[in-house]
Amino acid sequence: MSDRVLHCESSRFSGVHSLAVLGLALGACAGARAGDDGARADVRVGGELDGAGGGGAAGTGGGAAGTGAGGTGHAGAGGTEGTDSGSSEDAGANPCSVTDTAAMCTSRPVLTIVSGADARRIYWNEPPRQGGPSPFPLVILFQGSFFGPSGTWGVSLPKATTPFGGYYQVVLVAKLLEIGFIVVQPEAQGGLFWNTNNGSDYDTSPDSVFIPRLLAEIEKGTFGRADATRLYATGISSGGYMTSRMAVSYAGRFRALAIESGSYASCLGPLCVVPSVLPADHPPTLFLHGGADTTVPIATAQDYYRKLQAQGIEAKFVEAPAASHQWLDTAPEDVTNWFLAH
């Protein structure tokens, strides 16, 4: 994969809905989303499209050059072009490289779900060991604000300098793949942030259209041999709030959740009211949080945790007292073990 230069455009930050998120955006500039249009065209769901399916275009947006077996075709509205999920890599090849100083995971051909003008790229991969007929459990990884999947797949992230502990996110992906999970990482609308807590009605938001389509594609096998009865979700910051949204708006779909540096679905930083009564079928939830986090104060997550416990819903809280707004260095182990236990 060729080297890439990541760009931040000042126009991305116009209309940002809080100073905290704006600060998060500026801090993430070095790792912000940047991918070429070639990655966008590998597979699209919905819309009128012509062209070669399955193989996918070579792209520097985190997806490997596609050589899958899908044929040339035309996809009508609501259809799928090139949905063959054959890997662009040799069977059994490990898509991740992790050292003590840097980590990188590569995606299979990047897929795109299209709803009108809203096109979302999804980066993903399957376990390198494919033995046995059983389908794999699947983890949806929700990006944080302005730090989308094109900046974390196909890019070597240094441990020492990647913002928000992004190195440990990649290590988590590597560990999940190695242990036998499919990992799917969609981008937020425009690569910015999720609609769950921006003050609008989630039920009429673009995310409320996108997430059911993503779940439907998982069930159809677009992302490999996934077991749709064993779904898990995790994410950081805006992605942590979106992880909570899976419990609030998609009852019964997820086995367990892991929220990193986030809180309840509709909270925003210190502006947070966790309902006194949470969904009775709320999945078991792991919280990971830094005690020095000033973007999402730890007290908001602790309130959420305590209310789950009060309702008899399984929950666990991992705090790193000196950590700020970031993936904890224990996240790869903690999240993987939590999902394996559920």
C-alpha atoms as a PDB file:
ATOM      1  CA  MET A   1       0.000   0.000   0.000  1.00  0.00           C
ATOM      2  CA  SER A   2       1.371   3.400  -0.958  1.00  0.00           C
ATOM      3  CA  ASP A   3       2.179   6.068   1.606  1.00  0.00           C
ATOM      4  CA  ARG A   4      -0.545   8.627   2.188  1.00  0.00           C
ATOM      5  CA  VAL A   5      -0.651  12.252   3.234  1.00  0.00           C
ATOM      6  CA  LEU A   6      -3.573  13.061   5.500  1.00  0.00           C
ATOM      7  CA  HIS A   7      -5.246  16.468   5.156  1.00  0.00           C
ATOM      8  CA  CYS A   8      -7.488  18.538   7.411  1.00  0.00           C
ATOM      9  CA  GLU A   9      -9.848  21.003   5.730  1.00  0.00           C
ATOM     10  CA  SER A  10     -10.942  24.032   7.727  1.00  0.00           C
ATOM     11  CA  SER A  11     -14.430  23.779   6.227  1.00  0.00           C
ATOM     12  CA  ARG A  12     -14.952  20.525   8.115  1.00  0.00           C
ATOM     13  CA  PHE A  13     -15.071  22.408  11.391  1.00  0.00           C
ATOM     14  CA  SER A  14     -17.752  24.946  10.516  1.00  0.00           C
ATOM     15  CA  GLY A  15     -20.901  24.460  12.546  1.00  0.00           C
ATOM     16  CA  VAL A  16     -19.294  22.062  15.035  1.00  0.00           C
ATOM     17  CA  HIS A  17     -21.810  21.576  17.777  1.00  0.00           C
ATOM     18  CA  SER A  18     -19.632  22.133  20.849  1.00  0.00           C
ATOM     19  CA  LEU A  19     -16.326  23.666  21.816  1.00  0.00           C
ATOM     20  CA  ALA A  20     -15.299  20.340  23.314  1.00  0.00           C
ATOM     21  CA  VAL A  21     -15.865  18.556  20.038  1.00  0.00           C
ATOM     22  CA  LEU A  22     -14.110  21.353  18.127  1.00  0.00           C
ATOM     23  CA  GLY A  23     -11.086  20.904  20.356  1.00  0.00           C
ATOM     24  CA  LEU A  24     -11.257  17.173  19.719  1.00  0.00           C
ATOM     25  CA  ALA A  25     -11.405  17.836  15.981  1.00  0.00           C
ATOM     26  CA  LEU A  26      -8.392  20.112  15.952  1.00  0.00           C
ATOM     27  CA  GLY A  27      -6.394  17.660  18.040  1.00  0.00           C
ATOM     28  CA  ALA A  28      -7.264  14.870  15.635  1.00  0.00           C
ATOM     29  CA  CYS A  29      -6.222  16.783  12.521  1.00  0.00           C
ATOM     30  CA  ALA A  30      -3.122  14.675  11.963  1.00  0.00           C
ATOM     31  CA  GLY A  31      -5.241  11.550  11.789  1.00  0.00           C
ATOM     32  CA  ALA A  32      -8.356  12.922  10.154  1.00  0.00           C
ATOM     33  CA  ARG A  33     -10.106  11.117   7.387  1.00  0.00           C
ATOM     34  CA  ALA A  34      -8.539  11.261   3.945  1.00  0.00           C
ATOM     35  CA  GLY A  35      -9.215   8.718   1.223  1.00  0.00           C
ATOM     36  CA  ASP A  36      -9.461   8.880  -2.523  1.00  0.00           C
ATOM     37  CA  ASP A  37     -12.600   8.284  -4.554  1.00  0.00           C
ATOM     38  CA  GLY A  38     -11.280   4.924  -5.734  1.00  0.00           C
ATOM     39  CA  ALA A  39     -11.941   3.379  -2.326  1.00  0.00           C
ATOM     40  CA  ARG A  40     -15.507   4.695  -2.425  1.00  0.00           C
ATOM     41  CA  ALA A  41     -16.433   2.690  -5.513  1.00  0.00           C
ATOM     42  CA  ASP A  42     -15.647  -0.882  -4.430  1.00  0.00           C
ATOM     43  CA  VAL A  43     -19.173  -1.899  -3.465  1.00  0.00           C
ATOM     44  CA  ARG A  44     -22.268   0.269  -3.150  1.00  0.00           C
ATOM     45  CA  VAL A  45     -25.652  -0.565  -1.733  1.00  0.00           C
ATOM     46  CA  GLY A  46     -28.566   1.359  -3.206  1.00  0.00           C
ATOM     47  CA  GLY A  47     -28.679   3.789  -6.121  1.00  0.00           C
ATOM     48  CA  GLU A  48     -28.192   3.293  -9.861  1.00  0.00           C
ATOM     49  CA  LEU A  49     -24.696   2.079 -10.616  1.00  0.00           C
ATOM     50  CA  ASP A  50     -22.896   0.549 -13.556  1.00  0.00           C
ATOM     51  CA  GLY A  51     -19.504  -1.067 -13.593  1.00  0.00           C
ATOM     52  CA  ALA A  52     -17.370  -3.918 -12.409  1.00  0.00           C
ATOM     53  CA  GLY A  53     -18.490  -5.549  -9.203  1.00  0.00           C
ATOM     54  CA  GLY A  54     -16.611  -7.433  -6.560  1.00  0.00           C
ATOM     55  CA  GLY A  55     -13.099  -6.673  -7.715  1.00  0.00           C
ATOM     56  CA  GLY A  56     -13.137  -3.110  -6.459  1.00  0.00           C
ATOM     57  CA  ALA A  57     -10.811  -0.302  -7.327  1.00  0.00           C
ATOM     58  CA  ALA A  58      -7.355   0.083  -5.959  1.00  0.00           C
ATOM     59  CA  GLY A  59      -7.495   2.919  -3.458  1.00  0.00           C
ATOM     60  CA  THR A  60      -5.395   4.716  -0.896  1.00  0.00           C
ATOM     61  CA  GLY A  61      -8.344   5.228   1.426  1.00  0.00           C
ATOM     62  CA  GLY A  62      -7.499   2.227   3.556  1.00  0.00           C
ATOM     63  CA  GLY A  63      -8.851  -0.500   1.285  1.00  0.00           C
ATOM     64  CA  ALA A  64      -6.559  -2.969  -0.415  1.00  0.00           C
ATOM     65  CA  ALA A  65      -6.546  -3.267  -4.172  1.00  0.00           C
ATOM     66  CA  GLY A  66      -9.547  -5.447  -4.918  1.00  0.00           C
ATOM     67  CA  THR A  67      -9.252  -8.673  -6.871  1.00  0.00           C
ATOM     68  CA  GLY A  68     -12.396 -10.411  -5.641  1.00  0.00           C
ATOM     69  CA  ALA A  69     -14.450 -12.748  -7.751  1.00  0.00           C
ATOM     70  CA  GLY A  70     -17.577 -10.658  -8.289  1.00  0.00           C
ATOM     71  CA  GLY A  71     -18.638 -10.207 -11.908  1.00  0.00           C
ATOM     72  CA  THR A  72     -19.421  -7.147 -13.949  1.00  0.00           C
ATOM     73  CA  GLY A  73     -22.953  -5.964 -13.356  1.00  0.00           C
ATOM     74  CA  HIS A  74     -25.565  -3.290 -12.928  1.00  0.00           C
ATOM     75  CA  ALA A  75     -27.212  -2.653  -9.561  1.00  0.00           C
ATOM     76  CA  GLY A  76     -30.639  -1.056  -9.451  1.00  0.00           C
ATOM     77  CA  ALA A  77     -32.106   0.899  -6.561  1.00  0.00           C
ATOM     78  CA  GLY A  78     -31.670  -0.976  -3.340  1.00  0.00           C
ATOM     79  CA  GLY A  79     -29.358  -3.495  -4.970  1.00  0.00           C
ATOM     80  CA  THR A  80     -25.776  -4.431  -4.245  1.00  0.00           C
ATOM     81  CA  GLU A  81     -22.942  -4.176  -6.711  1.00  0.00           C
ATOM     82  CA  GLY A  82     -20.066  -6.578  -6.300  1.00  0.00           C
ATOM     83  CA  THR A  83     -21.219  -8.064  -3.018  1.00  0.00           C
ATOM     84  CA  ASP A  84     -18.867 -11.025  -3.324  1.00  0.00           C
ATOM     85  CA  SER A  85     -16.849 -10.825  -0.137  1.00  0.00           C
ATOM     86  CA  GLY A  86     -13.819 -12.620  -1.503  1.00  0.00           C
ATOM     87  CA  SER A  87     -10.656 -11.238   0.020  1.00  0.00           C
ATOM     88  CA  SER A  88      -8.132  -9.209  -1.910  1.00  0.00           C
ATOM     89  CA  GLU A  89      -5.521 -10.932   0.225  1.00  0.00           C
ATOM     90  CA  ASP A  90      -4.316 -14.501   0.204  1.00  0.00           C
ATOM     91  CA  ALA A  91      -6.532 -16.766   2.285  1.00  0.00           C
ATOM     92  CA  GLY A  92      -5.246 -16.937   5.834  1.00  0.00           C
ATOM     93  CA  ALA A  93      -2.989 -13.900   5.499  1.00  0.00           C
ATOM     94  CA  ASN A  94      -2.840 -11.786   8.652  1.00  0.00           C
ATOM     95  CA  PRO A  95      -4.209  -8.302   7.845  1.00  0.00           C
ATOM     96  CA  CYS A  96      -2.523  -6.689  10.852  1.00  0.00           C
ATOM     97  CA  SER A  97       0.996  -5.851  11.895  1.00  0.00           C
ATOM     98  CA  VAL A  98       1.584  -4.886  15.530  1.00  0.00           C
ATOM     99  CA  THR A  99       4.868  -3.962  17.174  1.00  0.00           C
ATOM    100  CA  ASP A 100       5.745  -2.147  20.383  1.00  0.00           C
ATOM    101  CA  THR A 101       6.056   1.095  18.427  1.00  0.00           C
ATOM    102  CA  ALA A 102       3.405   1.000  15.667  1.00  0.00           C
ATOM    103  CA  ALA A 103       0.336  -0.886  14.513  1.00  0.00           C
ATOM    104  CA  MET A 104      -1.535  -1.250  11.230  1.00  0.00           C
ATOM    105  CA  CYS A 105      -4.505  -3.275   9.978  1.00  0.00           C
ATOM    106  CA  THR A 106      -5.607  -3.364   6.342  1.00  0.00           C
ATOM    107  CA  SER A 107      -9.180  -3.564   5.114  1.00  0.00           C
ATOM    108  CA  ARG A 108     -10.706  -5.869   2.575  1.00  0.00           C
ATOM    109  CA  PRO A 109     -12.237  -3.965  -0.359  1.00  0.00           C
ATOM    110  CA  VAL A 110     -13.989  -0.988   1.167  1.00  0.00           C
ATOM    111  CA  LEU A 111     -17.770  -1.139   0.872  1.00  0.00           C
ATOM    112  CA  THR A 112     -20.099   1.840   0.535  1.00  0.00           C
ATOM    113  CA  ILE A 113     -23.728   2.087   1.623  1.00  0.00           C
ATOM    114  CA  VAL A 114     -25.598   4.816  -0.222  1.00  0.00           C
ATOM    115  CA  SER A 115     -28.840   6.451   0.923  1.00  0.00           C
ATOM    116  CA  GLY A 116     -29.613   9.388  -1.354  1.00  0.00           C
ATOM    117  CA  ALA A 117     -26.760  11.847  -0.954  1.00  0.00           C
ATOM    118  CA  ASP A 118     -25.428  10.034   2.127  1.00  0.00           C
ATOM    119  CA  ALA A 119     -22.606   7.646   1.160  1.00  0.00           C
ATOM    120  CA  ARG A 120     -20.811   5.820   3.973  1.00  0.00           C
ATOM    121  CA  ARG A 121     -17.634   3.828   3.490  1.00  0.00           C
ATOM    122  CA  ILE A 122     -17.204   0.726   5.642  1.00  0.00           C
ATOM    123  CA  TYR A 123     -13.768  -0.728   6.356  1.00  0.00           C
ATOM    124  CA  TRP A 124     -13.620  -4.326   7.563  1.00  0.00           C
ATOM    125  CA  ASN A 125     -11.813  -7.604   7.728  1.00  0.00           C
ATOM    126  CA  GLU A 126     -12.298 -11.214   8.774  1.00  0.00           C
ATOM    127  CA  PRO A 127     -10.229 -13.465  11.028  1.00  0.00           C
ATOM    128  CA  PRO A 128      -7.085 -14.683   9.258  1.00  0.00           C
ATOM    129  CA  ARG A 129      -7.839 -18.261  10.293  1.00  0.00           C
ATOM    130  CA  GLN A 130     -10.942 -19.447   8.432  1.00  0.00           C
ATOM    131  CA  GLY A 131     -11.155 -23.084   9.591  1.00  0.00           C
ATOM    132  CA  GLY A 132     -14.524 -24.696  10.253  1.00  0.00           C
ATOM    133  CA  PRO A 133     -18.014 -23.998   8.932  1.00  0.00           C
ATOM    134  CA  SER A 134     -19.256 -21.884  11.831  1.00  0.00           C
ATOM    135  CA  PRO A 135     -19.929 -18.180  11.222  1.00  0.00           C
ATOM    136  CA  PHE A 136     -17.956 -15.569  13.140  1.00  0.00           C
ATOM    137  CA  PRO A 137     -19.184 -13.119  15.771  1.00  0.00           C
ATOM    138  CA  LEU A 138     -18.954  -9.532  14.556  1.00  0.00           C
ATOM    139  CA  VAL A 139     -17.905  -6.267  16.210  1.00  0.00           C
ATOM    140  CA  ILE A 140     -19.014  -2.867  14.919  1.00  0.00           C
ATOM    141  CA  LEU A 141     -16.393  -0.246  15.782  1.00  0.00           C
ATOM    142  CA  PHE A 142     -17.744   3.320  15.841  1.00  0.00           C
ATOM    143  CA  GLN A 143     -15.286   6.108  15.041  1.00  0.00           C
ATOM    144  CA  GLY A 144     -14.668   9.114  17.242  1.00  0.00           C
ATOM    145  CA  SER A 145     -15.260  12.656  15.962  1.00  0.00           C
ATOM    146  CA  PHE A 146     -13.167  13.501  12.878  1.00  0.00           C
ATOM    147  CA  PHE A 147     -11.026  10.380  13.313  1.00  0.00           C
ATOM    148  CA  GLY A 148     -12.653   8.058  10.801  1.00  0.00           C
ATOM    149  CA  PRO A 149     -11.660   4.648   9.500  1.00  0.00           C
ATOM    150  CA  SER A 150      -9.662   5.917   6.510  1.00  0.00           C
ATOM    151  CA  GLY A 151      -7.222   7.337   9.055  1.00  0.00           C
ATOM    152  CA  THR A 152      -6.950   4.108  11.030  1.00  0.00           C
ATOM    153  CA  TRP A 153      -6.963   1.335   8.384  1.00  0.00           C
ATOM    154  CA  GLY A 154      -4.059   0.868   6.002  1.00  0.00           C
ATOM    155  CA  VAL A 155      -2.041   3.443   7.918  1.00  0.00           C
ATOM    156  CA  SER A 156       0.778   2.627  10.321  1.00  0.00           C
ATOM    157  CA  LEU A 157      -0.090   4.432  13.551  1.00  0.00           C
ATOM    158  CA  PRO A 158       2.839   5.168  15.861  1.00  0.00           C
ATOM    159  CA  LYS A 159       2.266   4.388  19.500  1.00  0.00           C
ATOM    160  CA  ALA A 160       3.925   7.525  20.797  1.00  0.00           C
ATOM    161  CA  THR A 161       2.298  10.219  18.671  1.00  0.00           C
ATOM    162  CA  THR A 162      -1.117   9.035  17.433  1.00  0.00           C
ATOM    163  CA  PRO A 163      -3.812  11.167  19.105  1.00  0.00           C
ATOM    164  CA  PHE A 164      -6.359   9.710  21.522  1.00  0.00           C
ATOM    165  CA  GLY A 165      -4.411   6.474  21.959  1.00  0.00           C
ATOM    166  CA  GLY A 166      -5.332   5.491  18.392  1.00  0.00           C
ATOM    167  CA  TYR A 167      -2.523   2.922  18.374  1.00  0.00           C
ATOM    168  CA  TYR A 168      -4.487   0.904  20.934  1.00  0.00           C
ATOM    169  CA  GLN A 169      -7.616   1.004  18.761  1.00  0.00           C
ATOM    170  CA  VAL A 170      -5.658  -0.703  15.990  1.00  0.00           C
ATOM    171  CA  VAL A 171      -4.201  -3.195  18.461  1.00  0.00           C
ATOM    172  CA  LEU A 172      -7.783  -3.929  19.570  1.00  0.00           C
ATOM    173  CA  VAL A 173      -8.805  -4.571  15.949  1.00  0.00           C
ATOM    174  CA  ALA A 174      -5.818  -6.884  15.499  1.00  0.00           C
ATOM    175  CA  LYS A 175      -6.654  -8.809  18.657  1.00  0.00           C
ATOM    176  CA  LEU A 176     -10.330  -9.180  17.776  1.00  0.00           C
ATOM    177  CA  LEU A 177      -9.468 -10.477  14.304  1.00  0.00           C
ATOM    178  CA  GLU A 178      -6.892 -12.879  15.667  1.00  0.00           C
ATOM    179  CA  ILE A 179      -9.262 -14.283  18.289  1.00  0.00           C
ATOM    180  CA  GLY A 180     -12.022 -14.898  15.729  1.00  0.00           C
ATOM    181  CA  PHE A 181     -14.221 -11.797  15.324  1.00  0.00           C
ATOM    182  CA  ILE A 182     -15.114  -9.982  12.124  1.00  0.00           C
ATOM    183  CA  VAL A 183     -14.496  -6.256  12.635  1.00  0.00           C
ATOM    184  CA  VAL A 184     -16.566  -3.694  10.720  1.00  0.00           C
ATOM    185  CA  GLN A 185     -15.837   0.034  11.012  1.00  0.00           C
ATOM    186  CA  PRO A 186     -18.272   2.409   9.268  1.00  0.00           C
ATOM    187  CA  GLU A 187     -17.646   6.110   8.892  1.00  0.00           C
ATOM    188  CA  ALA A 188     -19.941   8.670  10.441  1.00  0.00           C
ATOM    189  CA  GLN A 189     -21.842  11.026   8.158  1.00  0.00           C
ATOM    190  CA  GLY A 190     -19.266  12.985   6.165  1.00  0.00           C
ATOM    191  CA  GLY A 191     -16.584  11.336   8.296  1.00  0.00           C
ATOM    192  CA  LEU A 192     -17.448  13.772  11.083  1.00  0.00           C
ATOM    193  CA  PHE A 193     -19.455  12.481  14.075  1.00  0.00           C
ATOM    194  CA  TRP A 194     -22.537  10.401  14.840  1.00  0.00           C
ATOM    195  CA  ASN A 195     -26.041  11.884  14.974  1.00  0.00           C
ATOM    196  CA  THR A 196     -26.922  10.337  18.317  1.00  0.00           C
ATOM    197  CA  ASN A 197     -26.223  13.352  20.554  1.00  0.00           C
ATOM    198  CA  ASN A 198     -26.160  16.485  18.400  1.00  0.00           C
ATOM    199  CA  GLY A 199     -29.504  17.810  19.621  1.00  0.00           C
ATOM    200  CA  SER A 200     -31.575  16.465  16.741  1.00  0.00           C
ATOM    201  CA  ASP A 201     -34.135  13.657  16.782  1.00  0.00           C
ATOM    202  CA  TYR A 202     -32.213  10.431  16.224  1.00  0.00           C
ATOM    203  CA  ASP A 203     -35.246   8.717  14.720  1.00  0.00           C
ATOM    204  CA  THR A 204     -35.239  11.164  11.794  1.00  0.00           C
ATOM    205  CA  SER A 205     -31.454  11.400  11.440  1.00  0.00           C
ATOM    206  CA  PRO A 206     -29.339   9.974   8.596  1.00  0.00           C
ATOM    207  CA  ASP A 207     -27.845   7.486  11.068  1.00  0.00           C
ATOM    208  CA  SER A 208     -31.315   6.055  11.715  1.00  0.00           C
ATOM    209  CA  VAL A 209     -31.403   5.138   8.005  1.00  0.00           C
ATOM    210  CA  PHE A 210     -27.802   3.969   7.786  1.00  0.00           C
ATOM    211  CA  ILE A 211     -27.595   1.644  10.804  1.00  0.00           C
ATOM    212  CA  PRO A 212     -30.531  -0.626   9.782  1.00  0.00           C
ATOM    213  CA  ARG A 213     -29.009  -0.890   6.309  1.00  0.00           C
ATOM    214  CA  LEU A 214     -25.651  -1.818   7.805  1.00  0.00           C
ATOM    215  CA  LEU A 215     -27.285  -4.482   9.991  1.00  0.00           C
ATOM    216  CA  ALA A 216     -29.165  -5.839   6.972  1.00  0.00           C
ATOM    217  CA  GLU A 217     -25.928  -6.147   5.001  1.00  0.00           C
ATOM    218  CA  ILE A 218     -24.331  -8.013   7.905  1.00  0.00           C
ATOM    219  CA  GLU A 219     -27.250 -10.457   7.863  1.00  0.00           C
ATOM    220  CA  LYS A 220     -26.923 -10.899   4.083  1.00  0.00           C
ATOM    221  CA  GLY A 221     -23.286 -11.950   4.386  1.00  0.00           C
ATOM    222  CA  THR A 222     -21.816  -8.867   2.740  1.00  0.00           C
ATOM    223  CA  PHE A 223     -19.129  -8.794   5.445  1.00  0.00           C
ATOM    224  CA  GLY A 224     -18.207 -12.448   5.275  1.00  0.00           C
ATOM    225  CA  ARG A 225     -19.518 -15.339   7.340  1.00  0.00           C
ATOM    226  CA  ALA A 226     -20.968 -13.250  10.151  1.00  0.00           C
ATOM    227  CA  ASP A 227     -23.262 -14.618  12.846  1.00  0.00           C
ATOM    228  CA  ALA A 228     -25.970 -11.950  13.087  1.00  0.00           C
ATOM    229  CA  THR A 229     -27.016 -13.348  16.483  1.00  0.00           C
ATOM    230  CA  ARG A 230     -23.581 -12.520  17.932  1.00  0.00           C
ATOM    231  CA  LEU A 231     -23.135  -8.798  17.376  1.00  0.00           C
ATOM    232  CA  TYR A 232     -21.048  -6.502  19.566  1.00  0.00           C
ATOM    233  CA  ALA A 233     -20.304  -2.785  19.471  1.00  0.00           C
ATOM    234  CA  THR A 234     -17.563  -0.516  20.732  1.00  0.00           C
ATOM    235  CA  GLY A 235     -16.279   2.980  20.052  1.00  0.00           C
ATOM    236  CA  ILE A 236     -14.580   6.038  21.473  1.00  0.00           C
ATOM    237  CA  SER A 237     -15.991   9.500  22.240  1.00  0.00           C
ATOM    238  CA  SER A 238     -18.740  10.161  19.665  1.00  0.00           C
ATOM    239  CA  GLY A 239     -18.411   6.463  18.864  1.00  0.00           C
ATOM    240  CA  GLY A 240     -18.883   5.649  22.545  1.00  0.00           C
ATOM    241  CA  TYR A 241     -22.178   7.536  22.566  1.00  0.00           C
ATOM    242  CA  MET A 242     -23.142   5.709  19.376  1.00  0.00           C
ATOM    243  CA  THR A 243     -22.302   2.414  21.051  1.00  0.00           C
ATOM    244  CA  SER A 244     -24.825   3.292  23.756  1.00  0.00           C
ATOM    245  CA  ARG A 245     -27.317   4.136  21.002  1.00  0.00           C
ATOM    246  CA  MET A 246     -27.238   0.469  19.979  1.00  0.00           C
ATOM    247  CA  ALA A 247     -28.869  -0.379  23.329  1.00  0.00           C
ATOM    248  CA  VAL A 248     -31.395   2.449  23.138  1.00  0.00           C
ATOM    249  CA  SER A 249     -32.611   2.138  19.540  1.00  0.00           C
ATOM    250  CA  TYR A 250     -31.790  -1.444  18.496  1.00  0.00           C
ATOM    251  CA  ALA A 251     -33.171  -3.580  21.274  1.00  0.00           C
ATOM    252  CA  GLY A 252     -32.084  -7.194  21.329  1.00  0.00           C
ATOM    253  CA  ARG A 253     -29.556  -6.886  18.507  1.00  0.00           C
ATOM    254  CA  PHE A 254     -26.292  -6.792  20.482  1.00  0.00           C
ATOM    255  CA  ARG A 255     -24.762  -9.265  22.926  1.00  0.00           C
ATOM    256  CA  ALA A 256     -22.505  -6.744  24.690  1.00  0.00           C
ATOM    257  CA  LEU A 257     -21.125  -3.221  24.413  1.00  0.00           C
ATOM    258  CA  ALA A 258     -17.830  -1.516  25.307  1.00  0.00           C
ATOM    259  CA  ILE A 259     -17.853   2.283  25.673  1.00  0.00           C
ATOM    260  CA  GLU A 260     -14.504   4.104  25.610  1.00  0.00           C
ATOM    261  CA  SER A 261     -14.442   7.731  26.781  1.00  0.00           C
ATOM    262  CA  GLY A 262     -18.176   8.131  26.221  1.00  0.00           C
ATOM    263  CA  SER A 263     -21.473   7.885  28.059  1.00  0.00           C
ATOM    264  CA  TYR A 264     -25.214   7.590  27.457  1.00  0.00           C
ATOM    265  CA  ALA A 265     -26.506   7.890  23.880  1.00  0.00           C
ATOM    266  CA  SER A 266     -27.883  11.430  24.135  1.00  0.00           C
ATOM    267  CA  CYS A 267     -25.207  12.987  26.354  1.00  0.00           C
ATOM    268  CA  LEU A 268     -22.617  15.471  25.093  1.00  0.00           C
ATOM    269  CA  GLY A 269     -19.534  15.964  27.202  1.00  0.00           C
ATOM    270  CA  PRO A 270     -20.493  17.442  30.590  1.00  0.00           C
ATOM    271  CA  LEU A 271     -24.079  18.005  29.364  1.00  0.00           C
ATOM    272  CA  CYS A 272     -25.409  14.655  30.423  1.00  0.00           C
ATOM    273  CA  VAL A 273     -28.616  13.344  31.937  1.00  0.00           C
ATOM    274  CA  VAL A 274     -28.726   9.563  32.106  1.00  0.00           C
ATOM    275  CA  PRO A 275     -32.354   8.341  32.367  1.00  0.00           C
ATOM    276  CA  SER A 276     -33.308   6.922  35.718  1.00  0.00           C
ATOM    277  CA  VAL A 277     -34.799   3.900  33.945  1.00  0.00           C
ATOM    278  CA  LEU A 278     -32.742   2.292  31.211  1.00  0.00           C
ATOM    279  CA  PRO A 279     -33.933  -0.359  28.721  1.00  0.00           C
ATOM    280  CA  ALA A 280     -34.570  -3.618  30.546  1.00  0.00           C
ATOM    281  CA  ASP A 281     -32.774  -5.528  27.785  1.00  0.00           C
ATOM    282  CA  HIS A 282     -29.749  -3.214  27.767  1.00  0.00           C
ATOM    283  CA  PRO A 283     -26.740  -5.371  26.827  1.00  0.00           C
ATOM    284  CA  PRO A 284     -23.958  -5.980  29.341  1.00  0.00           C
ATOM    285  CA  THR A 285     -21.703  -2.937  29.102  1.00  0.00           C
ATOM    286  CA  LEU A 286     -18.022  -2.331  29.746  1.00  0.00           C
ATOM    287  CA  PHE A 287     -16.886   1.237  30.394  1.00  0.00           C
ATOM    288  CA  LEU A 288     -13.271   2.360  29.884  1.00  0.00           C
ATOM    289  CA  HIS A 289     -12.460   5.901  30.928  1.00  0.00           C
ATOM    290  CA  GLY A 290      -9.610   8.180  31.869  1.00  0.00           C
ATOM    291  CA  GLY A 291      -9.859   9.953  35.187  1.00  0.00           C
ATOM    292  CA  ALA A 292      -8.325  13.096  33.641  1.00  0.00           C
ATOM    293  CA  ASP A 293     -10.762  13.255  30.718  1.00  0.00           C
ATOM    294  CA  THR A 294     -12.037  16.836  30.394  1.00  0.00           C
ATOM    295  CA  THR A 295     -13.872  16.284  27.086  1.00  0.00           C
ATOM    296  CA  VAL A 296     -16.207  13.609  28.453  1.00  0.00           C
ATOM    297  CA  PRO A 297     -15.983  13.864  32.259  1.00  0.00           C
ATOM    298  CA  ILE A 298     -15.696  10.480  33.899  1.00  0.00           C
ATOM    299  CA  ALA A 299     -18.610  11.267  36.237  1.00  0.00           C
ATOM    300  CA  THR A 300     -21.041  11.042  33.299  1.00  0.00           C
ATOM    301  CA  ALA A 301     -19.961   7.495  32.504  1.00  0.00           C
ATOM    302  CA  GLN A 302     -19.946   6.521  36.190  1.00  0.00           C
ATOM    303  CA  ASP A 303     -23.557   7.689  36.507  1.00  0.00           C
ATOM    304  CA  TYR A 304     -24.526   5.521  33.534  1.00  0.00           C
ATOM    305  CA  TYR A 305     -22.651   2.561  35.030  1.00  0.00           C
ATOM    306  CA  ARG A 306     -24.305   2.913  38.435  1.00  0.00           C
ATOM    307  CA  LYS A 307     -27.795   3.107  36.921  1.00  0.00           C
ATOM    308  CA  LEU A 308     -27.184  -0.072  34.954  1.00  0.00           C
ATOM    309  CA  GLN A 309     -26.041  -1.798  38.110  1.00  0.00           C
ATOM    310  CA  ALA A 310     -29.096  -0.531  40.013  1.00  0.00           C
ATOM    311  CA  GLN A 311     -31.321  -2.250  37.449  1.00  0.00           C
ATOM    312  CA  GLY A 312     -29.409  -5.501  37.732  1.00  0.00           C
ATOM    313  CA  ILE A 313     -27.826  -5.112  34.289  1.00  0.00           C
ATOM    314  CA  GLU A 314     -24.299  -6.451  34.075  1.00  0.00           C
ATOM    315  CA  ALA A 315     -21.690  -3.703  33.813  1.00  0.00           C
ATOM    316  CA  LYS A 316     -18.001  -3.202  34.511  1.00  0.00           C
ATOM    317  CA  PHE A 317     -15.982  -0.005  34.878  1.00  0.00           C
ATOM    318  CA  VAL A 318     -12.271   0.276  34.083  1.00  0.00           C
ATOM    319  CA  GLU A 319     -10.668   3.581  35.091  1.00  0.00           C
ATOM    320  CA  ALA A 320      -7.162   4.796  34.332  1.00  0.00           C
ATOM    321  CA  PRO A 321      -6.774   7.726  36.772  1.00  0.00           C
ATOM    322  CA  ALA A 322      -4.062   9.582  34.834  1.00  0.00           C
ATOM    323  CA  ALA A 323      -5.479   9.004  31.337  1.00  0.00           C
ATOM    324  CA  SER A 324      -7.294  11.713  29.397  1.00  0.00           C
ATOM    325  CA  HIS A 325      -9.662  11.423  26.409  1.00  0.00           C
ATOM    326  CA  GLN A 326      -8.185   8.340  24.774  1.00  0.00           C
ATOM    327  CA  TRP A 327      -8.189   4.623  24.203  1.00  0.00           C
ATOM    328  CA  LEU A 328      -6.750   3.047  27.341  1.00  0.00           C
ATOM    329  CA  ASP A 329      -3.698   0.862  26.917  1.00  0.00           C
ATOM    330  CA  THR A 330      -5.683  -1.992  28.496  1.00  0.00           C
ATOM    331  CA  ALA A 331      -8.531  -1.668  25.969  1.00  0.00           C
ATOM    332  CA  PRO A 332      -7.376  -4.438  23.589  1.00  0.00           C
ATOM    333  CA  GLU A 333      -7.353  -6.988  26.393  1.00  0.00           C
ATOM    334  CA  ASP A 334     -10.344  -5.646  28.327  1.00  0.00           C
ATOM    335  CA  VAL A 335     -12.710  -5.299  25.369  1.00  0.00           C
ATOM    336  CA  THR A 336     -11.763  -8.626  23.807  1.00  0.00           C
ATOM    337  CA  ASN A 337     -12.237 -10.495  27.088  1.00  0.00           C
ATOM    338  CA  TRP A 338     -15.587  -8.758  27.696  1.00  0.00           C
ATOM    339  CA  PHE A 339     -16.914  -9.801  24.313  1.00  0.00           C
ATOM    340  CA  LEU A 340     -15.607 -13.345  24.666  1.00  0.00           C
ATOM    341  CA  ALA A 341     -17.438 -13.638  27.995  1.00  0.00           C
ATOM    342  CA  HIS A 342     -20.747 -12.721  26.363  1.00  0.00           C
END
